[in-house]
Amino acid sequence: MWLQQGLSLAAINQQFISFLDEAKRLKAHYASQITLLVGLETEFITPRDLEELECILEQYQPHVIEYIVGSVHHVHGIPIDFDEATYRRSVTSFGGGGTRDSTEGDRGQLEAFLLAYFDAQYELLQRFKPEIVGHLDLCRLYTPDLKFTDFQEVWKRIERNVEYAIAYGALFEVNAAAFRKKWKTAYPGPDVAQVGFFPSLTFLILFFL
């Protein structure tokens, strides 16, 4: 199978392994001058992605890979941050919505989409306990005014995920790329940022402009 960029899956895997090898070399070479931390960001398109990640971590953690950014970018195997049309295709993949706008149309469809996102996130947290939780609420990238509290079960999932991550000591990413994508705030939105807001909740601010 060949990807659009012209690289096979095997070639991409080898490219990543080469990156890790070079990172290990640079870390050793500059050890007297600077502390370098080497990490990776997760992907969860299908269960196979998590299986492959386990294999990589068995080989390279902790002597090369020192931290994980736990992120979800797909729901039902469809990208949710590529463009708005693809995002809406992911939402409508839950059926019952046709081409109606996900913010005003089939409420059940949108709720199913959100639940699937946060359940995938929870599975990722449980399985790998990533040191950093990436863009917690990416699932509303193209609907920034969406209120999770309007969906009781979705809000329960958010509280569950945040509390679980806090319990094992995770950091939470604050991602400024949201401003470039026409948000008024960074990820996560103010409502999510206030979940479990007490001293044990720590944010790692990352700027992706």
Foldseek 3Di string as FASTA:
>chain_A
DADPVGDDPVRVVVVVVVVLVVQLVVCVVCVVPDHDADAEEAEPLDVVSVVVVVVVCVVPPPSRHPFYAYEYQDFPSFGLPPDPVRVVVNLCVQDDFPPDDCVPTDVVSNLVRLVRRLVVSQVSCVPPVTQEYELLPSNCLVPLVDDQVVPVVSVVSLLVNQVSSLVVQHAYEFEQVSVVSVDPGTGPDPVSVPRVPDPSHHYDYDYDD
